[in-house]
Amino acid sequence: MRKSKTTLESYSKISKWYDEHRSRELFEKSWLDKAIVHLKSNATILDLGCGMGEPISKYFIDKGFDVVGIDGCDELIVMANKRLSQGKYFVADMRELSLENKFDLIIAWNSFFHLTADEQRQMFNIFIQHINANGMLLFTSGPEEGEIWSDNGGENLYHASLAAEEYKTLLANHGFGLLDYKINDKDCNDHTVWLARFKKS
């Protein structure tokens, strides 16, 4: 069984714990706002690995944006649909995503890094299939190439990261211009964050 598939099963087991322990302090706000600067007021947003929609999807909804969220955990999607009726939330595996719509912003915050290195590389094709011209991509990764496991609510969750230079190459090769990135951003709970614009039509 693929490790990232195990992650989906693990989140199902810890969905209640995750909901109770996931910070709502919005430490991500500075990066969300960096993306918002480039969006029109009627922009559409795809939240990959949205969880229960709090706090990130909720932040965009409160700003008036049209949000679609997908997550592989049924329990978290049920929570999202109950709490955020203005959004649209579906159970789906981001690795197999094939929606008819394209979006002005794709965000994969603390979700993309649960995939294996090869799956992350393949995700860039998924990104470009679902993004509008001049659309924004915002995602988090690990600070360096490698794999780690971490205890979350008693479940051992898998994380992987490519090297920074490979992310830069993947972005460029798929038509993205890198706008900003920071490794271990001290103002964002040490997250490594990437923001890019899709330059192709």
C-alpha atoms as a PDB file:
ATOM      1  CA  MET A   1       0.000   0.000   0.000  1.00  0.00           C
ATOM      2  CA  ARG A   2       1.261   3.460  -0.879  1.00  0.00           C
ATOM      3  CA  LYS A   3       2.253   5.571   2.065  1.00  0.00           C
ATOM      4  CA  SER A   4       0.149   8.503   0.916  1.00  0.00           C
ATOM      5  CA  LYS A   5      -2.877   6.222   0.726  1.00  0.00           C
ATOM      6  CA  THR A   6      -2.196   5.276   4.337  1.00  0.00           C
ATOM      7  CA  THR A   7      -2.319   8.990   5.122  1.00  0.00           C
ATOM      8  CA  LEU A   8      -5.925   9.171   3.922  1.00  0.00           C
ATOM      9  CA  GLU A   9      -6.849   6.272   6.155  1.00  0.00           C
ATOM     10  CA  SER A  10      -5.009   7.843   9.078  1.00  0.00           C
ATOM     11  CA  TYR A  11      -6.895  11.125   8.724  1.00  0.00           C
ATOM     12  CA  SER A  12     -10.152   9.190   8.798  1.00  0.00           C
ATOM     13  CA  LYS A  13      -9.117   7.701  12.132  1.00  0.00           C
ATOM     14  CA  ILE A  14      -8.016  11.018  13.636  1.00  0.00           C
ATOM     15  CA  SER A  15     -10.597  13.340  12.048  1.00  0.00           C
ATOM     16  CA  LYS A  16     -12.119  14.353  15.385  1.00  0.00           C
ATOM     17  CA  TRP A  17      -8.692  14.854  16.963  1.00  0.00           C
ATOM     18  CA  TYR A  18      -7.541  16.873  13.961  1.00  0.00           C
ATOM     19  CA  ASP A  19     -10.617  19.077  14.087  1.00  0.00           C
ATOM     20  CA  GLU A  20     -10.004  19.765  17.773  1.00  0.00           C
ATOM     21  CA  HIS A  21      -6.257  20.423  17.452  1.00  0.00           C
ATOM     22  CA  ARG A  22      -5.914  22.199  14.103  1.00  0.00           C
ATOM     23  CA  SER A  23      -4.996  25.815  14.891  1.00  0.00           C
ATOM     24  CA  ARG A  24      -7.531  28.477  13.925  1.00  0.00           C
ATOM     25  CA  GLU A  25      -5.128  31.320  14.735  1.00  0.00           C
ATOM     26  CA  LEU A  26      -4.558  31.832  11.000  1.00  0.00           C
ATOM     27  CA  PHE A  27      -0.774  31.974  11.156  1.00  0.00           C
ATOM     28  CA  GLU A  28      -1.022  31.442   7.369  1.00  0.00           C
ATOM     29  CA  LYS A  29      -2.684  34.827   6.846  1.00  0.00           C
ATOM     30  CA  SER A  30       0.327  36.680   5.433  1.00  0.00           C
ATOM     31  CA  TRP A  31       0.728  34.121   2.634  1.00  0.00           C
ATOM     32  CA  LEU A  32      -2.999  33.930   1.926  1.00  0.00           C
ATOM     33  CA  ASP A  33      -3.018  37.702   1.604  1.00  0.00           C
ATOM     34  CA  LYS A  34      -0.038  37.591  -0.770  1.00  0.00           C
ATOM     35  CA  ALA A  35      -2.144  35.410  -3.061  1.00  0.00           C
ATOM     36  CA  ILE A  36      -5.269  37.541  -2.643  1.00  0.00           C
ATOM     37  CA  VAL A  37      -3.415  40.622  -3.888  1.00  0.00           C
ATOM     38  CA  HIS A  38      -3.306  38.978  -7.321  1.00  0.00           C
ATOM     39  CA  LEU A  39      -6.984  37.930  -7.394  1.00  0.00           C
ATOM     40  CA  LYS A  40     -10.086  39.683  -8.711  1.00  0.00           C
ATOM     41  CA  SER A  41     -13.060  40.036  -6.384  1.00  0.00           C
ATOM     42  CA  ASN A  42     -14.946  37.252  -8.181  1.00  0.00           C
ATOM     43  CA  ALA A  43     -12.004  34.824  -8.221  1.00  0.00           C
ATOM     44  CA  THR A  44     -12.521  31.081  -7.879  1.00  0.00           C
ATOM     45  CA  ILE A  45     -10.386  29.039  -5.504  1.00  0.00           C
ATOM     46  CA  LEU A  46      -9.596  25.319  -5.343  1.00  0.00           C
ATOM     47  CA  ASP A  47      -8.478  24.138  -1.906  1.00  0.00           C
ATOM     48  CA  LEU A  48      -6.688  20.786  -2.268  1.00  0.00           C
ATOM     49  CA  GLY A  49      -6.672  18.873   1.005  1.00  0.00           C
ATOM     50  CA  CYS A  50      -9.122  21.320   2.550  1.00  0.00           C
ATOM     51  CA  GLY A  51      -9.866  19.244   5.648  1.00  0.00           C
ATOM     52  CA  MET A  52     -12.888  20.633   7.503  1.00  0.00           C
ATOM     53  CA  GLY A  53     -12.417  23.976   5.761  1.00  0.00           C
ATOM     54  CA  GLU A  54     -11.123  25.836   8.785  1.00  0.00           C
ATOM     55  CA  PRO A  55      -9.366  28.153   8.865  1.00  0.00           C
ATOM     56  CA  ILE A  56      -8.165  28.537   5.255  1.00  0.00           C
ATOM     57  CA  SER A  57     -11.293  27.953   3.164  1.00  0.00           C
ATOM     58  CA  LYS A  58     -13.302  29.959   5.678  1.00  0.00           C
ATOM     59  CA  TYR A  59     -10.881  32.879   5.339  1.00  0.00           C
ATOM     60  CA  PHE A  60     -11.365  32.995   1.564  1.00  0.00           C
ATOM     61  CA  ILE A  61     -15.150  32.590   1.865  1.00  0.00           C
ATOM     62  CA  ASP A  62     -15.299  35.430   4.374  1.00  0.00           C
ATOM     63  CA  LYS A  63     -13.459  37.553   1.788  1.00  0.00           C
ATOM     64  CA  GLY A  64     -16.224  36.815  -0.710  1.00  0.00           C
ATOM     65  CA  PHE A  65     -14.441  34.313  -2.944  1.00  0.00           C
ATOM     66  CA  ASP A  66     -16.021  31.230  -4.531  1.00  0.00           C
ATOM     67  CA  VAL A  67     -14.344  28.208  -2.924  1.00  0.00           C
ATOM     68  CA  VAL A  68     -14.316  24.549  -3.925  1.00  0.00           C
ATOM     69  CA  GLY A  69     -12.560  22.178  -1.547  1.00  0.00           C
ATOM     70  CA  ILE A  70     -11.568  18.554  -1.953  1.00  0.00           C
ATOM     71  CA  ASP A  71     -10.185  16.135   0.585  1.00  0.00           C
ATOM     72  CA  GLY A  72      -9.710  12.386   0.750  1.00  0.00           C
ATOM     73  CA  CYS A  73     -11.247  12.127   4.222  1.00  0.00           C
ATOM     74  CA  ASP A  74     -15.025  11.682   4.230  1.00  0.00           C
ATOM     75  CA  GLU A  75     -15.396  12.763   7.855  1.00  0.00           C
ATOM     76  CA  LEU A  76     -13.634  16.092   7.319  1.00  0.00           C
ATOM     77  CA  ILE A  77     -15.686  16.867   4.198  1.00  0.00           C
ATOM     78  CA  VAL A  78     -18.889  16.263   6.174  1.00  0.00           C
ATOM     79  CA  MET A  79     -17.677  18.843   8.706  1.00  0.00           C
ATOM     80  CA  ALA A  80     -16.810  21.342   5.969  1.00  0.00           C
ATOM     81  CA  ASN A  81     -20.209  21.081   4.312  1.00  0.00           C
ATOM     82  CA  LYS A  82     -22.022  21.494   7.630  1.00  0.00           C
ATOM     83  CA  ARG A  83     -20.032  24.556   8.702  1.00  0.00           C
ATOM     84  CA  LEU A  84     -19.340  26.364   5.441  1.00  0.00           C
ATOM     85  CA  SER A  85     -22.491  26.236   3.378  1.00  0.00           C
ATOM     86  CA  GLN A  86     -21.181  28.981   1.069  1.00  0.00           C
ATOM     87  CA  GLY A  87     -18.433  26.661  -0.192  1.00  0.00           C
ATOM     88  CA  LYS A  88     -18.616  23.422  -2.161  1.00  0.00           C
ATOM     89  CA  TYR A  89     -16.781  20.447  -0.657  1.00  0.00           C
ATOM     90  CA  PHE A  90     -16.239  17.003  -2.142  1.00  0.00           C
ATOM     91  CA  VAL A  91     -14.433  13.788  -1.292  1.00  0.00           C
ATOM     92  CA  ALA A  92     -11.707  13.248  -3.878  1.00  0.00           C
ATOM     93  CA  ASP A  93      -8.094  12.176  -4.199  1.00  0.00           C
ATOM     94  CA  MET A  94      -6.000  15.089  -5.469  1.00  0.00           C
ATOM     95  CA  ARG A  95      -3.752  12.665  -7.362  1.00  0.00           C
ATOM     96  CA  GLU A  96      -6.686  11.609  -9.553  1.00  0.00           C
ATOM     97  CA  LEU A  97      -8.494  14.938  -9.781  1.00  0.00           C
ATOM     98  CA  SER A  98     -10.287  15.738 -13.037  1.00  0.00           C
ATOM     99  CA  LEU A  99     -12.745  18.610 -12.677  1.00  0.00           C
ATOM    100  CA  GLU A 100     -14.419  20.462 -15.525  1.00  0.00           C
ATOM    101  CA  ASN A 101     -13.658  23.847 -13.991  1.00  0.00           C
ATOM    102  CA  LYS A 102     -10.466  25.856 -13.819  1.00  0.00           C
ATOM    103  CA  PHE A 103      -9.606  28.173 -10.948  1.00  0.00           C
ATOM    104  CA  ASP A 104      -7.871  31.467 -10.279  1.00  0.00           C
ATOM    105  CA  LEU A 105      -6.060  30.127  -7.218  1.00  0.00           C
ATOM    106  CA  ILE A 106      -5.074  26.601  -6.295  1.00  0.00           C
ATOM    107  CA  ILE A 107      -3.935  26.126  -2.729  1.00  0.00           C
ATOM    108  CA  ALA A 108      -2.421  22.954  -1.277  1.00  0.00           C
ATOM    109  CA  TRP A 109      -1.550  23.909   2.277  1.00  0.00           C
ATOM    110  CA  ASN A 110      -0.146  21.099   4.438  1.00  0.00           C
ATOM    111  CA  SER A 111      -1.618  18.494   2.089  1.00  0.00           C
ATOM    112  CA  PHE A 112       0.643  18.253  -0.972  1.00  0.00           C
ATOM    113  CA  PHE A 113       3.555  17.213   1.273  1.00  0.00           C
ATOM    114  CA  HIS A 114       1.760  14.007   2.296  1.00  0.00           C
ATOM    115  CA  LEU A 115       2.373  12.658  -1.225  1.00  0.00           C
ATOM    116  CA  THR A 116       5.448  10.728  -2.266  1.00  0.00           C
ATOM    117  CA  ALA A 117       8.140  12.503  -4.256  1.00  0.00           C
ATOM    118  CA  ASP A 118       6.959  10.978  -7.543  1.00  0.00           C
ATOM    119  CA  GLU A 119       3.332  11.823  -6.786  1.00  0.00           C
ATOM    120  CA  GLN A 120       4.324  15.415  -6.094  1.00  0.00           C
ATOM    121  CA  ARG A 121       6.074  15.626  -9.443  1.00  0.00           C
ATOM    122  CA  GLN A 122       2.961  14.275 -11.168  1.00  0.00           C
ATOM    123  CA  MET A 123       0.732  16.777  -9.342  1.00  0.00           C
ATOM    124  CA  PHE A 124       2.068  19.623 -11.448  1.00  0.00           C
ATOM    125  CA  ASN A 125       0.124  18.200 -14.389  1.00  0.00           C
ATOM    126  CA  ILE A 126      -2.989  18.221 -12.192  1.00  0.00           C
ATOM    127  CA  PHE A 127      -2.290  21.836 -11.247  1.00  0.00           C
ATOM    128  CA  ILE A 128      -2.077  23.049 -14.846  1.00  0.00           C
ATOM    129  CA  GLN A 129      -5.233  21.154 -15.813  1.00  0.00           C
ATOM    130  CA  HIS A 130      -7.194  23.083 -13.190  1.00  0.00           C
ATOM    131  CA  ILE A 131      -5.759  26.608 -13.305  1.00  0.00           C
ATOM    132  CA  ASN A 132      -6.769  29.630 -15.336  1.00  0.00           C
ATOM    133  CA  ALA A 133      -4.328  31.791 -17.257  1.00  0.00           C
ATOM    134  CA  ASN A 134      -2.495  34.021 -14.781  1.00  0.00           C
ATOM    135  CA  GLY A 135      -3.854  31.871 -11.954  1.00  0.00           C
ATOM    136  CA  MET A 136      -2.001  31.537  -8.678  1.00  0.00           C
ATOM    137  CA  LEU A 137      -0.558  28.427  -7.028  1.00  0.00           C
ATOM    138  CA  LEU A 138       0.159  28.391  -3.289  1.00  0.00           C
ATOM    139  CA  PHE A 139       1.548  25.304  -1.587  1.00  0.00           C
ATOM    140  CA  THR A 140       3.701  24.176   1.300  1.00  0.00           C
ATOM    141  CA  SER A 141       6.548  21.676   1.219  1.00  0.00           C
ATOM    142  CA  GLY A 142       9.277  20.424   3.480  1.00  0.00           C
ATOM    143  CA  PRO A 143      12.420  22.521   3.939  1.00  0.00           C
ATOM    144  CA  GLU A 144      14.661  20.020   2.147  1.00  0.00           C
ATOM    145  CA  GLU A 145      14.599  16.800   0.166  1.00  0.00           C
ATOM    146  CA  GLY A 146      13.638  13.759   2.206  1.00  0.00           C
ATOM    147  CA  GLU A 147      10.932  11.780   3.967  1.00  0.00           C
ATOM    148  CA  ILE A 148       9.780  11.961   7.571  1.00  0.00           C
ATOM    149  CA  TRP A 149       7.048  10.501   9.743  1.00  0.00           C
ATOM    150  CA  SER A 150       5.272  12.359  12.530  1.00  0.00           C
ATOM    151  CA  ASP A 151       2.820  11.385  15.265  1.00  0.00           C
ATOM    152  CA  ASN A 152      -0.548  13.069  14.879  1.00  0.00           C
ATOM    153  CA  GLY A 153      -3.244  11.979  17.296  1.00  0.00           C
ATOM    154  CA  GLY A 154      -1.639   8.570  17.604  1.00  0.00           C
ATOM    155  CA  GLU A 155      -1.323   8.030  13.859  1.00  0.00           C
ATOM    156  CA  ASN A 156       2.084   8.078  12.175  1.00  0.00           C
ATOM    157  CA  LEU A 157       1.706  10.376   9.160  1.00  0.00           C
ATOM    158  CA  TYR A 158       4.020  10.350   6.162  1.00  0.00           C
ATOM    159  CA  HIS A 159       5.568  13.526   4.719  1.00  0.00           C
ATOM    160  CA  ALA A 160       7.921  13.991   1.773  1.00  0.00           C
ATOM    161  CA  SER A 161       9.672  16.876   0.108  1.00  0.00           C
ATOM    162  CA  LEU A 162      11.701  17.527  -2.982  1.00  0.00           C
ATOM    163  CA  ALA A 163      14.724  19.807  -2.959  1.00  0.00           C
ATOM    164  CA  ALA A 164      14.008  23.516  -3.396  1.00  0.00           C
ATOM    165  CA  GLU A 165      15.810  23.562  -6.741  1.00  0.00           C
ATOM    166  CA  GLU A 166      13.593  20.777  -8.066  1.00  0.00           C
ATOM    167  CA  TYR A 167      10.425  22.635  -7.095  1.00  0.00           C
ATOM    168  CA  LYS A 168      11.780  25.668  -8.960  1.00  0.00           C
ATOM    169  CA  THR A 169      12.455  23.508 -12.022  1.00  0.00           C
ATOM    170  CA  LEU A 170       9.022  21.850 -11.899  1.00  0.00           C
ATOM    171  CA  LEU A 171       7.304  25.217 -11.640  1.00  0.00           C
ATOM    172  CA  ALA A 172       9.251  26.638 -14.575  1.00  0.00           C
ATOM    173  CA  ASN A 173       8.776  23.541 -16.737  1.00  0.00           C
ATOM    174  CA  HIS A 174       5.006  23.667 -16.206  1.00  0.00           C
ATOM    175  CA  GLY A 175       4.625  27.329 -17.051  1.00  0.00           C
ATOM    176  CA  PHE A 176       4.717  28.903 -13.599  1.00  0.00           C
ATOM    177  CA  GLY A 177       6.641  32.001 -12.632  1.00  0.00           C
ATOM    178  CA  LEU A 178       7.846  31.894  -9.043  1.00  0.00           C
ATOM    179  CA  LEU A 179       6.733  35.029  -7.194  1.00  0.00           C
ATOM    180  CA  ASP A 180       7.867  34.237  -3.669  1.00  0.00           C
ATOM    181  CA  TYR A 181       9.000  31.395  -1.470  1.00  0.00           C
ATOM    182  CA  LYS A 182      10.475  31.023   1.957  1.00  0.00           C
ATOM    183  CA  ILE A 183      12.046  28.053   3.688  1.00  0.00           C
ATOM    184  CA  ASN A 184      11.098  27.675   7.358  1.00  0.00           C
ATOM    185  CA  ASP A 185       9.257  30.992   7.516  1.00  0.00           C
ATOM    186  CA  LYS A 186       9.552  32.036  11.165  1.00  0.00           C
ATOM    187  CA  ASP A 187       6.454  34.214  10.817  1.00  0.00           C
ATOM    188  CA  CYS A 188       4.424  31.227   9.611  1.00  0.00           C
ATOM    189  CA  ASN A 189       5.161  28.526  12.180  1.00  0.00           C
ATOM    190  CA  ASP A 190       8.308  27.489  10.271  1.00  0.00           C
ATOM    191  CA  HIS A 191       6.357  26.473   7.183  1.00  0.00           C
ATOM    192  CA  THR A 192       8.090  26.347   3.814  1.00  0.00           C
ATOM    193  CA  VAL A 193       5.790  28.151   1.400  1.00  0.00           C
ATOM    194  CA  TRP A 194       5.695  28.644  -2.388  1.00  0.00           C
ATOM    195  CA  LEU A 195       3.688  31.180  -4.391  1.00  0.00           C
ATOM    196  CA  ALA A 196       3.699  31.127  -8.202  1.00  0.00           C
ATOM    197  CA  ARG A 197       1.678  32.445 -11.149  1.00  0.00           C
ATOM    198  CA  PHE A 198       0.649  30.346 -14.145  1.00  0.00           C
ATOM    199  CA  LYS A 199       1.911  32.219 -17.182  1.00  0.00           C
ATOM    200  CA  LYS A 200       0.465  30.064 -19.950  1.00  0.00           C
ATOM    201  CA  SER A 201      -2.978  30.498 -21.493  1.00  0.00           C
END
